[in-house]
Amino acid sequence: MARKSISYQGKIVYVGIDVHKETYSLTCVCDGVVVKKATVKALPDDLANSLITWFAEATIKSAYEAGFSGYVLHRALCRQRICSIVVNAASIAVATNDRVKTDSRDSLKLASQLAANQLVGIYVPTPQEESRRTLTRTRQQIVEKRSVAARQIKSKLHYFGLMRLDDHRMISNRYLKEIETMKLPPEVKFSFCLLTDEWRYLTKKLFEIRQCLQAQALKDPHLEQVYRSVPGIGPISARVLANELGNLSRFQNEKSLSHYLGLTPSEHSSGDSIRRGHISRQGSARLRGILVEAAWRVIKKDPALNEVYERIAKTRGGKRAIVAVARKLIGRIRACFRTGSLYAIDTYA
């Protein structure tokens, strides 16, 4: 006897997708009931087409965690008019006693919370925005690799007793030339040559990326001018902020911007008791680092923000005070975008 097909006309199907490199594990919920579970190959367009076939005439809503796979799946789903959101893993509620983690349970959790309207999607950049931010992210990777090479060079110098204890110089071309004049066994000299060549190669690539960033800034004058007008934000930091955050007026308010950056305090409420803890740390740690570093500099030049820092530091400590300043600083930068002006200290003094 042929199986009777189910009609999903006029219904909403919620799809939770647990994304892996080779497979997608999905759970589909409709009217509070699991109507389908499947594990399919990680082919975005094929999955989107399958959902349209399985749930013809239904409104399909999907969610998956942000991660290594980027937004290719999201865009494939949107092309099929599937309402897709990408969520921060930290925003997914987990029961206290839930210690079992499987692909099936994770996809069900996503589908159930999506159906209950408990998930909020993160901002998905356009392909153009994603391409632009690749440049600053690649630069950060090369900076980290060069730091590793520098530490390896110094480690060998210490190992062979070739560095004084009070020698705290940074690795530079001049320093490397000094190392190359040392009389060393052939094997040791060859090892040093490998590391010094790597350091020089990465330094050259950083210079090339810097030139690309300068060209990028010329094509993006409005964002560049606003971010560079802020005390403590230099050319590289300005490019990172411009590529990662863009025009801050896209955020509805300062609270949503602080939440996006993970600068809002976490909250634990029970009855009439409300306790606020450390910042949530959702979003990019690098962006928070740039803003905190800029905050340390800006309090030396901006009397109003310095007053905020001093007032909070007296009761809460310097670390919490500087985070509060960073939160106010990014709020003021957003105001610059909304008013079409540059950052001006005397406006807030």
Protein backbone atom coordinates (compact mmCIF):
# COMPACT_ATOMS: atom_id res chain seq x y z
CA MET A 1 0.00 0.00 0.00
CA ALA A 2 1.43 3.39 -1.02
CA ARG A 3 2.35 5.69 1.82
CA LYS A 4 0.05 8.69 2.03
CA SER A 5 1.93 11.95 1.52
CA ILE A 6 1.58 14.63 4.17
CA SER A 7 0.51 18.12 3.16
CA TYR A 8 2.44 21.00 4.72
CA GLN A 9 0.43 23.70 3.01
CA GLY A 10 0.08 26.72 5.27
CA LYS A 11 2.31 25.21 7.97
CA ILE A 12 5.68 26.33 9.34
CA VAL A 13 8.51 23.82 9.45
CA TYR A 14 11.47 24.61 11.74
CA VAL A 15 14.78 23.06 10.75
CA GLY A 16 17.77 22.77 13.08
CA ILE A 17 21.04 22.00 11.28
CA ASP A 18 24.18 20.70 12.98
CA VAL A 19 26.97 21.52 10.53
CA HIS A 20 30.09 19.40 10.04
CA LYS A 21 32.76 19.32 7.37
CA GLU A 22 31.31 16.36 5.48
CA THR A 23 27.72 16.08 6.70
CA TYR A 24 24.72 18.07 7.87
CA SER A 25 22.60 16.56 10.63
CA LEU A 26 19.09 18.03 10.64
CA THR A 27 15.90 17.78 12.64
CA CYS A 28 12.63 19.20 11.29
CA VAL A 29 9.80 20.19 13.63
CA CYS A 30 6.24 21.11 12.66
CA ASP A 31 3.40 21.82 15.11
CA GLY A 32 5.65 20.74 17.98
CA VAL A 33 6.30 17.31 16.44
CA VAL A 34 9.51 16.00 14.87
CA VAL A 35 8.50 15.24 11.28
CA LYS A 36 11.90 14.36 9.85
CA LYS A 37 15.45 13.55 10.89
CA ALA A 38 18.24 13.08 8.41
CA THR A 39 21.98 13.19 7.88
CA VAL A 40 22.99 14.37 4.43
CA LYS A 41 26.20 15.27 2.64
CA ALA A 42 27.46 18.79 3.30
CA LEU A 43 26.29 20.19 -0.04
CA PRO A 44 24.46 23.49 0.61
CA ASP A 45 22.45 23.71 -2.63
CA ASP A 46 21.41 20.04 -2.42
CA LEU A 47 20.14 20.51 1.14
CA ALA A 48 18.17 23.62 0.17
CA ASN A 49 16.56 21.79 -2.75
CA SER A 50 15.75 18.78 -0.56
CA LEU A 51 13.98 20.93 2.04
CA ILE A 52 11.86 22.54 -0.67
CA THR A 53 10.96 19.07 -1.98
CA TRP A 54 10.20 17.52 1.42
CA PHE A 55 8.06 20.41 2.65
CA ALA A 56 6.40 21.75 -0.48
CA GLU A 57 4.08 24.73 0.10
CA ALA A 58 5.30 25.12 3.70
CA THR A 59 7.08 28.12 5.22
CA ILE A 60 10.53 26.81 6.12
CA LYS A 61 12.68 28.40 8.82
CA SER A 62 16.17 27.13 9.61
CA ALA A 63 19.03 27.80 12.00
CA TYR A 64 22.61 26.65 12.41
CA GLU A 65 25.58 27.70 14.53
CA ALA A 66 28.18 30.13 13.24
CA GLY A 67 31.54 28.50 12.78
CA PHE A 68 34.14 27.19 10.38
CA SER A 69 31.67 26.75 7.51
CA GLY A 70 30.93 30.45 7.17
CA TYR A 71 27.77 31.59 5.43
CA VAL A 72 27.72 29.47 2.26
CA LEU A 73 24.88 27.31 3.59
CA HIS A 74 22.93 30.37 4.75
CA ARG A 75 23.10 31.95 1.31
CA ALA A 76 22.10 28.70 -0.41
CA LEU A 77 19.03 28.45 1.84
CA CYS A 78 18.09 32.08 1.24
CA ARG A 79 18.27 31.58 -2.52
CA GLN A 80 15.48 29.03 -2.12
CA ARG A 81 13.49 31.57 -0.05
CA ILE A 82 14.06 29.62 3.14
CA CYS A 83 14.15 31.92 6.18
CA SER A 84 17.61 31.11 7.53
CA ILE A 85 19.45 32.52 10.54
CA VAL A 86 22.97 31.87 11.77
CA VAL A 87 23.28 31.91 15.57
CA ASN A 88 26.08 32.37 18.04
CA ALA A 89 26.78 29.08 19.84
CA ALA A 90 26.88 30.90 23.19
CA SER A 91 23.29 32.10 22.72
CA ILE A 92 21.84 28.56 22.59
CA ALA A 93 20.25 27.59 25.90
CA VAL A 94 21.62 24.43 27.51
CA ALA A 95 19.96 22.68 30.46
CA THR A 96 22.10 22.40 33.58
CA ASN A 97 21.90 18.60 33.68
CA ASP A 98 22.28 18.14 29.91
CA ARG A 99 25.63 16.37 29.55
CA VAL A 100 24.85 14.31 26.46
CA LYS A 101 25.96 15.89 23.18
CA THR A 102 25.18 14.28 19.83
CA ASP A 103 24.53 15.67 16.37
CA SER A 104 20.88 14.59 16.57
CA ARG A 105 20.33 16.24 19.96
CA ASP A 106 22.08 19.43 18.84
CA SER A 107 19.94 19.78 15.71
CA LEU A 108 16.77 19.07 17.74
CA LYS A 109 17.78 21.75 20.26
CA LEU A 110 18.20 24.27 17.44
CA ALA A 111 14.85 23.36 15.84
CA SER A 112 12.98 23.47 19.17
CA GLN A 113 14.42 26.81 20.27
CA LEU A 114 13.83 28.24 16.80
CA ALA A 115 10.18 27.17 16.98
CA ALA A 116 9.90 28.77 20.43
CA ASN A 117 11.32 32.03 19.04
CA GLN A 118 14.28 31.81 21.42
CA LEU A 119 17.05 32.23 18.85
CA VAL A 120 18.37 35.51 17.49
CA GLY A 121 20.47 35.46 14.34
CA ILE A 122 23.81 37.21 14.10
CA TYR A 123 24.58 39.74 11.39
CA VAL A 124 25.51 37.99 8.15
CA PRO A 125 27.91 40.05 6.03
CA THR A 126 27.45 40.45 2.31
CA PRO A 127 29.90 38.56 0.07
CA GLN A 128 31.64 41.91 -0.59
CA GLU A 129 31.99 42.63 3.14
CA GLU A 130 33.26 39.11 3.72
CA SER A 131 35.91 39.53 1.02
CA ARG A 132 37.11 42.82 2.50
CA ARG A 133 37.47 41.46 6.02
CA THR A 134 39.49 38.50 4.71
CA LEU A 135 42.42 40.88 4.19
CA THR A 136 42.64 42.04 7.82
CA ARG A 137 42.01 38.51 9.12
CA THR A 138 44.80 37.12 6.94
CA ARG A 139 47.10 39.84 8.24
CA GLN A 140 46.37 38.75 11.80
CA GLN A 141 47.24 35.15 10.93
CA ILE A 142 50.56 36.20 9.42
CA VAL A 143 51.35 38.40 12.44
CA GLU A 144 50.81 35.37 14.69
CA LYS A 145 53.00 33.16 12.49
CA ARG A 146 55.79 35.73 12.51
CA SER A 147 55.57 35.94 16.30
CA VAL A 148 56.00 32.17 16.50
CA ALA A 149 59.07 32.36 14.23
CA ALA A 150 60.53 35.15 16.40
CA ARG A 151 60.00 33.11 19.58
CA GLN A 152 61.64 30.08 17.98
CA ILE A 153 64.69 32.13 17.00
CA LYS A 154 65.07 33.50 20.55
CA SER A 155 64.52 30.06 22.02
CA LYS A 156 67.46 28.68 20.04
CA LEU A 157 69.63 31.63 21.01
CA HIS A 158 68.90 30.91 24.68
CA TYR A 159 69.44 27.18 24.22
CA PHE A 160 72.93 27.68 22.82
CA GLY A 161 73.80 30.45 25.25
CA LEU A 162 73.97 33.08 22.54
CA MET A 163 71.67 35.63 24.20
CA ARG A 164 72.32 37.64 27.33
CA LEU A 165 69.68 37.48 30.05
CA ASP A 166 69.19 41.25 29.89
CA ASP A 167 68.77 41.23 26.09
CA HIS A 168 65.11 42.10 25.47
CA ARG A 169 65.44 43.30 21.89
CA MET A 170 62.73 42.51 19.39
CA ILE A 171 63.63 40.42 16.38
CA SER A 172 64.47 42.71 13.46
CA ASN A 173 66.48 42.59 10.24
CA ARG A 174 69.38 44.23 12.05
CA TYR A 175 69.23 41.63 14.81
CA LEU A 176 69.09 38.79 12.28
CA LYS A 177 72.20 40.11 10.50
CA GLU A 178 73.97 40.07 13.86
CA ILE A 179 72.96 36.43 14.35
CA GLU A 180 74.23 35.53 10.89
CA THR A 181 77.73 36.79 11.77
CA MET A 182 78.00 34.37 14.70
CA LYS A 183 80.37 31.41 14.32
CA LEU A 184 78.11 28.39 14.63
CA PRO A 185 78.28 24.69 13.73
CA PRO A 186 76.91 24.05 10.20
CA GLU A 187 73.78 22.26 11.49
CA VAL A 188 72.93 25.05 13.92
CA LYS A 189 73.59 27.74 11.30
CA PHE A 190 71.32 25.93 8.82
CA SER A 191 68.56 25.74 11.46
CA PHE A 192 68.85 29.47 12.15
CA CYS A 193 68.76 30.23 8.40
CA LEU A 194 65.45 28.38 8.03
CA LEU A 195 63.84 30.40 10.82
CA THR A 196 65.31 33.77 9.78
CA ASP A 197 64.21 33.21 6.17
CA GLU A 198 60.68 32.46 7.40
CA TRP A 199 60.63 35.61 9.55
CA ARG A 200 61.82 37.76 6.62
CA TYR A 201 59.32 36.20 4.24
CA LEU A 202 56.40 36.86 6.62
CA THR A 203 57.64 40.41 7.21
CA LYS A 204 57.62 41.00 3.44
CA LYS A 205 54.06 39.68 3.18
CA LEU A 206 52.95 41.97 6.01
CA PHE A 207 54.33 44.93 4.06
CA GLU A 208 52.40 43.82 0.97
CA ILE A 209 49.19 43.46 2.98
CA ARG A 210 49.72 46.92 4.46
CA GLN A 211 49.84 48.35 0.94
CA CYS A 212 46.61 46.52 0.07
CA LEU A 213 44.95 47.91 3.19
CA GLN A 214 46.02 51.44 2.26
CA ALA A 215 44.45 50.98 -1.17
CA GLN A 216 41.33 49.59 0.48
CA ALA A 217 41.11 52.62 2.76
CA LEU A 218 41.24 55.00 -0.22
CA LYS A 219 38.19 53.25 -1.68
CA ASP A 220 36.37 53.55 1.65
CA PRO A 221 36.95 57.19 2.72
CA HIS A 222 33.89 57.71 4.92
CA LEU A 223 34.48 54.71 7.21
CA GLU A 224 38.21 55.42 7.29
CA GLN A 225 37.78 59.06 8.31
CA VAL A 226 35.34 58.32 11.13
CA TYR A 227 37.38 55.51 12.70
CA ARG A 228 40.70 57.35 12.28
CA SER A 229 39.26 60.43 13.98
CA VAL A 230 39.05 58.49 17.26
CA PRO A 231 42.09 58.95 19.55
CA GLY A 232 43.96 55.68 19.95
CA ILE A 233 42.78 54.09 16.70
CA GLY A 234 45.53 53.82 14.10
CA PRO A 235 45.46 52.75 10.43
CA ILE A 236 45.45 48.99 11.06
CA SER A 237 42.86 49.11 13.85
CA ALA A 238 40.70 51.41 11.73
CA ARG A 239 40.78 48.90 8.87
CA VAL A 240 39.84 46.03 11.19
CA LEU A 241 36.91 47.97 12.63
CA ALA A 242 35.79 49.18 9.21
CA ASN A 243 35.89 45.67 7.72
CA GLU A 244 34.34 43.88 10.70
CA LEU A 245 31.76 46.46 11.84
CA GLY A 246 31.28 48.75 8.87
CA ASN A 247 28.85 51.62 9.34
CA LEU A 248 27.68 51.41 12.95
CA SER A 249 24.39 53.12 12.20
CA ARG A 250 23.10 49.68 11.11
CA PHE A 251 22.77 48.83 14.80
CA GLN A 252 19.40 49.88 16.24
CA ASN A 253 20.88 51.19 19.48
CA GLU A 254 24.01 51.17 21.62
CA LYS A 255 22.80 48.16 23.59
CA SER A 256 22.54 45.96 20.49
CA LEU A 257 26.02 47.10 19.41
CA SER A 258 27.53 46.31 22.83
CA HIS A 259 25.76 42.95 22.82
CA TYR A 260 27.18 42.18 19.36
CA LEU A 261 30.69 42.91 20.64
CA GLY A 262 30.23 40.94 23.87
CA LEU A 263 30.71 44.04 26.03
CA THR A 264 27.43 43.76 27.93
CA PRO A 265 27.50 42.26 31.46
CA SER A 266 26.07 38.78 31.88
CA GLU A 267 22.99 38.66 34.09
CA HIS A 268 21.77 36.08 36.63
CA SER A 269 18.22 36.78 37.85
CA SER A 270 16.15 34.92 40.41
CA GLY A 271 12.93 36.44 41.72
CA ASP A 272 13.61 40.02 42.77
CA SER A 273 17.36 39.43 42.81
CA ILE A 274 19.38 40.58 39.81
CA ARG A 275 23.13 39.93 39.75
CA ARG A 276 25.34 41.13 36.90
CA GLY A 277 28.63 39.40 36.28
CA HIS A 278 31.47 39.60 33.79
CA ILE A 279 30.89 40.66 30.19
CA SER A 280 29.35 38.02 27.94
CA ARG A 281 32.40 37.85 25.62
CA GLN A 282 30.23 36.91 22.67
CA GLY A 283 31.51 38.04 19.30
CA SER A 284 35.07 38.83 18.31
CA ALA A 285 37.72 38.92 21.04
CA ARG A 286 39.98 40.83 18.66
CA LEU A 287 37.48 43.68 18.29
CA ARG A 288 37.11 43.90 22.06
CA GLY A 289 40.89 44.00 22.37
CA ILE A 290 41.16 46.86 19.89
CA LEU A 291 38.46 48.86 21.67
CA VAL A 292 39.94 48.29 25.13
CA GLU A 293 43.38 49.31 23.87
CA ALA A 294 41.88 52.43 22.31
CA ALA A 295 40.03 53.14 25.58
CA TRP A 296 43.32 53.18 27.52
CA ARG A 297 44.61 55.82 25.13
CA VAL A 298 41.46 57.90 24.85
CA ILE A 299 41.09 58.44 28.61
CA LYS A 300 44.36 60.40 28.47
CA LYS A 301 42.84 62.83 25.96
CA ASP A 302 39.09 62.84 26.59
CA PRO A 303 38.20 64.45 29.98
CA ALA A 304 34.65 63.06 29.99
CA LEU A 305 35.73 59.45 29.45
CA ASN A 306 38.57 59.88 31.92
CA GLU A 307 35.98 60.96 34.52
CA VAL A 308 33.97 57.80 33.77
CA TYR A 309 37.07 55.66 34.23
CA GLU A 310 38.11 57.28 37.51
CA ARG A 311 34.60 57.08 38.98
CA ILE A 312 34.12 53.37 38.21
CA ALA A 313 37.70 52.39 39.03
CA LYS A 314 37.31 53.66 42.61
CA THR A 315 34.62 51.09 43.42
CA ARG A 316 34.87 48.38 40.73
CA GLY A 317 38.53 48.33 39.77
CA GLY A 318 40.48 49.40 36.72
CA LYS A 319 39.63 46.42 34.48
CA ARG A 320 35.88 46.88 34.77
CA ALA A 321 36.27 50.62 34.43
CA ILE A 322 38.18 50.38 31.15
CA VAL A 323 35.59 47.96 29.71
CA ALA A 324 32.90 50.51 30.60
CA VAL A 325 34.92 53.19 28.79
CA ALA A 326 35.28 50.91 25.74
CA ARG A 327 31.51 50.43 25.74
CA LYS A 328 30.92 54.19 25.84
CA LEU A 329 33.60 54.77 23.21
CA ILE A 330 32.01 52.48 20.62
CA GLY A 331 28.66 54.12 21.40
CA ARG A 332 30.15 57.52 20.57
CA ILE A 333 31.65 56.20 17.35
CA ARG A 334 28.16 54.96 16.42
CA ALA A 335 26.82 58.46 17.11
CA CYS A 336 29.39 59.85 14.65
CA PHE A 337 28.02 57.63 11.92
CA ARG A 338 24.44 58.57 12.75
CA THR A 339 25.18 62.31 12.68
CA GLY A 340 27.67 62.22 9.81
CA SER A 341 30.40 63.81 11.90
CA LEU A 342 33.92 62.93 13.09
CA TYR A 343 34.86 62.14 16.68
CA ALA A 344 35.40 65.42 18.55
CA ILE A 345 36.58 65.46 22.15
CA ASP A 346 35.36 68.97 22.96
CA THR A 347 31.80 67.90 22.03
CA TYR A 348 31.67 65.61 25.04
CA ALA A 349 33.86 67.44 27.55
